[in-house]
Amino acid sequence: MAEHIVKAPMRGRVFRVHVETGSQVKERDRMCDIEALKMEMPIMAPVSGTIKEVCISVGQQIGGGDSLFVIES
């Protein structure tokens, strides 16, 4: 099994988290929403698998390149 680390594309604030550790996701499922530059940006699963780790929480400030999730596929 491979691990995929999902990283933030830009800095912002975590607005919503739609998954939790152990959740099953399919490629392109919405995992969280980030608020950046007054816009809401969805973060989608790049692969299908199981959420092994959630590295963020609602309200958290994040930087571009920060780890958001670890998916085991």
N, C-alpha and C. Protein backbone atom coordinates (compact mmCIF):
# COMPACT_ATOMS: atom_id res chain seq x y z
N MET A 1 0.84 -1.19 0.00
CA MET A 1 0.00 0.00 0.00
C MET A 1 0.88 1.25 0.00
N ALA A 2 0.42 2.25 -0.69
CA ALA A 2 1.17 3.49 -0.81
C ALA A 2 0.51 4.59 0.01
N GLU A 3 1.32 5.51 0.51
CA GLU A 3 0.80 6.67 1.23
C GLU A 3 0.94 7.90 0.36
N HIS A 4 -0.10 8.70 0.32
CA HIS A 4 -0.09 9.95 -0.43
C HIS A 4 -0.33 11.08 0.55
N ILE A 5 0.55 12.07 0.55
CA ILE A 5 0.39 13.23 1.41
C ILE A 5 -0.24 14.34 0.58
N VAL A 6 -1.39 14.83 1.04
CA VAL A 6 -2.09 15.92 0.36
C VAL A 6 -1.61 17.21 1.00
N LYS A 7 -1.09 18.12 0.17
CA LYS A 7 -0.53 19.38 0.66
C LYS A 7 -1.39 20.56 0.23
N ALA A 8 -1.32 21.62 1.01
CA ALA A 8 -2.07 22.84 0.72
C ALA A 8 -1.47 23.53 -0.50
N PRO A 9 -2.31 23.95 -1.46
CA PRO A 9 -1.80 24.63 -2.65
C PRO A 9 -1.39 26.08 -2.38
N MET A 10 -1.94 26.66 -1.31
CA MET A 10 -1.63 28.05 -0.96
C MET A 10 -1.95 28.26 0.51
N ARG A 11 -1.52 29.41 1.03
CA ARG A 11 -1.82 29.66 2.43
C ARG A 11 -3.24 30.15 2.58
N GLY A 12 -3.80 29.92 3.75
CA GLY A 12 -5.18 30.32 4.02
C GLY A 12 -5.61 29.80 5.38
N ARG A 13 -6.92 29.64 5.54
CA ARG A 13 -7.50 29.17 6.79
C ARG A 13 -8.43 28.01 6.48
N VAL A 14 -8.35 26.97 7.31
CA VAL A 14 -9.21 25.80 7.12
C VAL A 14 -10.64 26.21 7.51
N PHE A 15 -11.55 26.08 6.57
CA PHE A 15 -12.93 26.52 6.74
C PHE A 15 -13.83 25.36 7.15
N ARG A 16 -13.67 24.21 6.50
CA ARG A 16 -14.45 22.99 6.79
C ARG A 16 -13.57 21.77 6.55
N VAL A 17 -13.81 20.72 7.34
CA VAL A 17 -13.16 19.43 7.11
C VAL A 17 -14.28 18.40 6.95
N HIS A 18 -14.27 17.68 5.83
CA HIS A 18 -15.36 16.76 5.50
C HIS A 18 -15.04 15.30 5.81
N VAL A 19 -13.81 14.99 6.17
CA VAL A 19 -13.42 13.60 6.42
C VAL A 19 -12.74 13.51 7.79
N GLU A 20 -12.60 12.28 8.26
CA GLU A 20 -11.88 12.04 9.51
C GLU A 20 -11.01 10.80 9.33
N THR A 21 -10.14 10.57 10.28
CA THR A 21 -9.27 9.40 10.21
C THR A 21 -10.13 8.14 10.07
N GLY A 22 -9.77 7.30 9.13
CA GLY A 22 -10.52 6.06 8.87
C GLY A 22 -11.56 6.18 7.77
N SER A 23 -11.88 7.41 7.35
CA SER A 23 -12.86 7.61 6.27
C SER A 23 -12.33 7.03 4.96
N GLN A 24 -13.24 6.49 4.17
CA GLN A 24 -12.92 6.04 2.83
C GLN A 24 -13.20 7.18 1.86
N VAL A 25 -12.27 7.47 0.97
CA VAL A 25 -12.49 8.50 -0.05
C VAL A 25 -12.24 7.91 -1.43
N LYS A 26 -12.92 8.48 -2.39
CA LYS A 26 -12.69 8.15 -3.79
C LYS A 26 -11.98 9.33 -4.42
N GLU A 27 -11.25 9.06 -5.48
CA GLU A 27 -10.57 10.14 -6.19
C GLU A 27 -11.58 11.23 -6.53
N ARG A 28 -11.21 12.48 -6.23
CA ARG A 28 -12.01 13.69 -6.49
C ARG A 28 -13.08 13.95 -5.44
N ASP A 29 -13.14 13.16 -4.34
CA ASP A 29 -14.04 13.48 -3.23
C ASP A 29 -13.53 14.75 -2.53
N ARG A 30 -14.44 15.57 -2.05
CA ARG A 30 -14.06 16.79 -1.34
C ARG A 30 -13.64 16.40 0.08
N MET A 31 -12.42 16.81 0.47
CA MET A 31 -11.91 16.48 1.80
C MET A 31 -11.99 17.65 2.76
N CYS A 32 -11.75 18.85 2.27
CA CYS A 32 -11.85 20.05 3.11
C CYS A 32 -12.00 21.27 2.23
N ASP A 33 -12.30 22.39 2.88
CA ASP A 33 -12.39 23.67 2.19
C ASP A 33 -11.44 24.64 2.88
N ILE A 34 -10.71 25.39 2.09
CA ILE A 34 -9.78 26.40 2.60
C ILE A 34 -10.28 27.76 2.14
N GLU A 35 -10.24 28.71 3.05
CA GLU A 35 -10.59 30.09 2.71
C GLU A 35 -9.28 30.83 2.44
N ALA A 36 -9.14 31.34 1.23
CA ALA A 36 -7.94 32.07 0.84
C ALA A 36 -8.36 33.25 -0.04
N LEU A 37 -7.87 34.42 0.28
CA LEU A 37 -8.19 35.63 -0.49
C LEU A 37 -9.70 35.83 -0.61
N LYS A 38 -10.42 35.59 0.49
CA LYS A 38 -11.88 35.77 0.56
C LYS A 38 -12.64 34.81 -0.35
N MET A 39 -11.98 33.74 -0.81
CA MET A 39 -12.63 32.74 -1.66
C MET A 39 -12.53 31.38 -0.98
N GLU A 40 -13.51 30.53 -1.22
CA GLU A 40 -13.50 29.18 -0.68
C GLU A 40 -12.93 28.24 -1.73
N MET A 41 -11.89 27.49 -1.35
CA MET A 41 -11.23 26.58 -2.28
C MET A 41 -11.38 25.14 -1.77
N PRO A 42 -12.04 24.26 -2.55
CA PRO A 42 -12.15 22.87 -2.13
C PRO A 42 -10.84 22.12 -2.37
N ILE A 43 -10.52 21.23 -1.45
CA ILE A 43 -9.37 20.34 -1.61
C ILE A 43 -9.93 18.94 -1.86
N MET A 44 -9.61 18.38 -3.00
CA MET A 44 -10.16 17.10 -3.43
C MET A 44 -9.12 15.99 -3.26
N ALA A 45 -9.62 14.77 -3.06
CA ALA A 45 -8.73 13.61 -2.93
C ALA A 45 -8.04 13.33 -4.26
N PRO A 46 -6.72 13.22 -4.26
CA PRO A 46 -6.01 12.92 -5.51
C PRO A 46 -6.08 11.44 -5.89
N VAL A 47 -6.38 10.58 -4.90
CA VAL A 47 -6.46 9.12 -5.12
C VAL A 47 -7.57 8.56 -4.25
N SER A 48 -8.00 7.36 -4.55
CA SER A 48 -8.96 6.65 -3.70
C SER A 48 -8.19 5.94 -2.60
N GLY A 49 -8.80 5.85 -1.42
CA GLY A 49 -8.14 5.14 -0.32
C GLY A 49 -8.77 5.46 1.02
N THR A 50 -8.00 5.25 2.07
CA THR A 50 -8.43 5.47 3.45
C THR A 50 -7.64 6.62 4.05
N ILE A 51 -8.34 7.51 4.74
CA ILE A 51 -7.66 8.62 5.42
C ILE A 51 -6.90 8.05 6.61
N LYS A 52 -5.59 8.11 6.54
CA LYS A 52 -4.73 7.59 7.61
C LYS A 52 -4.49 8.66 8.67
N GLU A 53 -4.40 9.93 8.24
CA GLU A 53 -4.15 11.01 9.18
C GLU A 53 -4.76 12.31 8.68
N VAL A 54 -5.39 13.05 9.59
CA VAL A 54 -5.89 14.40 9.32
C VAL A 54 -4.96 15.34 10.06
N CYS A 55 -4.26 16.18 9.35
CA CYS A 55 -3.21 17.04 9.94
C CYS A 55 -3.70 18.46 10.25
N ILE A 56 -4.99 18.73 10.06
CA ILE A 56 -5.53 20.08 10.20
C ILE A 56 -6.78 20.07 11.06
N SER A 57 -7.22 21.25 11.45
CA SER A 57 -8.49 21.41 12.14
C SER A 57 -9.14 22.71 11.68
N VAL A 58 -10.44 22.81 11.88
CA VAL A 58 -11.19 23.99 11.45
C VAL A 58 -10.64 25.23 12.17
N GLY A 59 -10.45 26.29 11.40
CA GLY A 59 -9.95 27.55 11.93
C GLY A 59 -8.44 27.69 11.89
N GLN A 60 -7.75 26.61 11.60
CA GLN A 60 -6.28 26.62 11.58
C GLN A 60 -5.75 27.40 10.39
N GLN A 61 -4.74 28.21 10.62
CA GLN A 61 -4.04 28.90 9.54
C GLN A 61 -3.02 27.93 8.95
N ILE A 62 -2.96 27.84 7.64
CA ILE A 62 -2.02 26.94 6.98
C ILE A 62 -1.20 27.70 5.95
N GLY A 63 -0.05 27.17 5.64
CA GLY A 63 0.81 27.76 4.63
C GLY A 63 0.84 26.89 3.38
N GLY A 64 1.21 27.46 2.27
CA GLY A 64 1.34 26.70 1.03
C GLY A 64 2.35 25.58 1.22
N GLY A 65 1.98 24.37 0.88
CA GLY A 65 2.87 23.23 1.01
C GLY A 65 2.72 22.48 2.33
N ASP A 66 1.91 23.01 3.27
CA ASP A 66 1.68 22.30 4.53
C ASP A 66 0.92 21.01 4.25
N SER A 67 1.19 19.98 5.03
CA SER A 67 0.47 18.71 4.91
C SER A 67 -0.94 18.86 5.47
N LEU A 68 -1.92 18.37 4.72
CA LEU A 68 -3.31 18.42 5.14
C LEU A 68 -3.82 17.03 5.55
N PHE A 69 -3.55 16.03 4.71
CA PHE A 69 -4.03 14.67 4.94
C PHE A 69 -2.99 13.66 4.48
N VAL A 70 -3.07 12.46 5.05
CA VAL A 70 -2.31 11.32 4.54
C VAL A 70 -3.36 10.28 4.14
N ILE A 71 -3.27 9.86 2.87
CA ILE A 71 -4.20 8.86 2.33
C ILE A 71 -3.42 7.59 2.04
N GLU A 72 -3.94 6.46 2.51
CA GLU A 72 -3.33 5.16 2.21
C GLU A 72 -4.16 4.52 1.11
N SER A 73 -3.50 4.18 0.01
CA SER A 73 -4.23 3.60 -1.13
C SER A 73 -3.71 2.23 -1.46
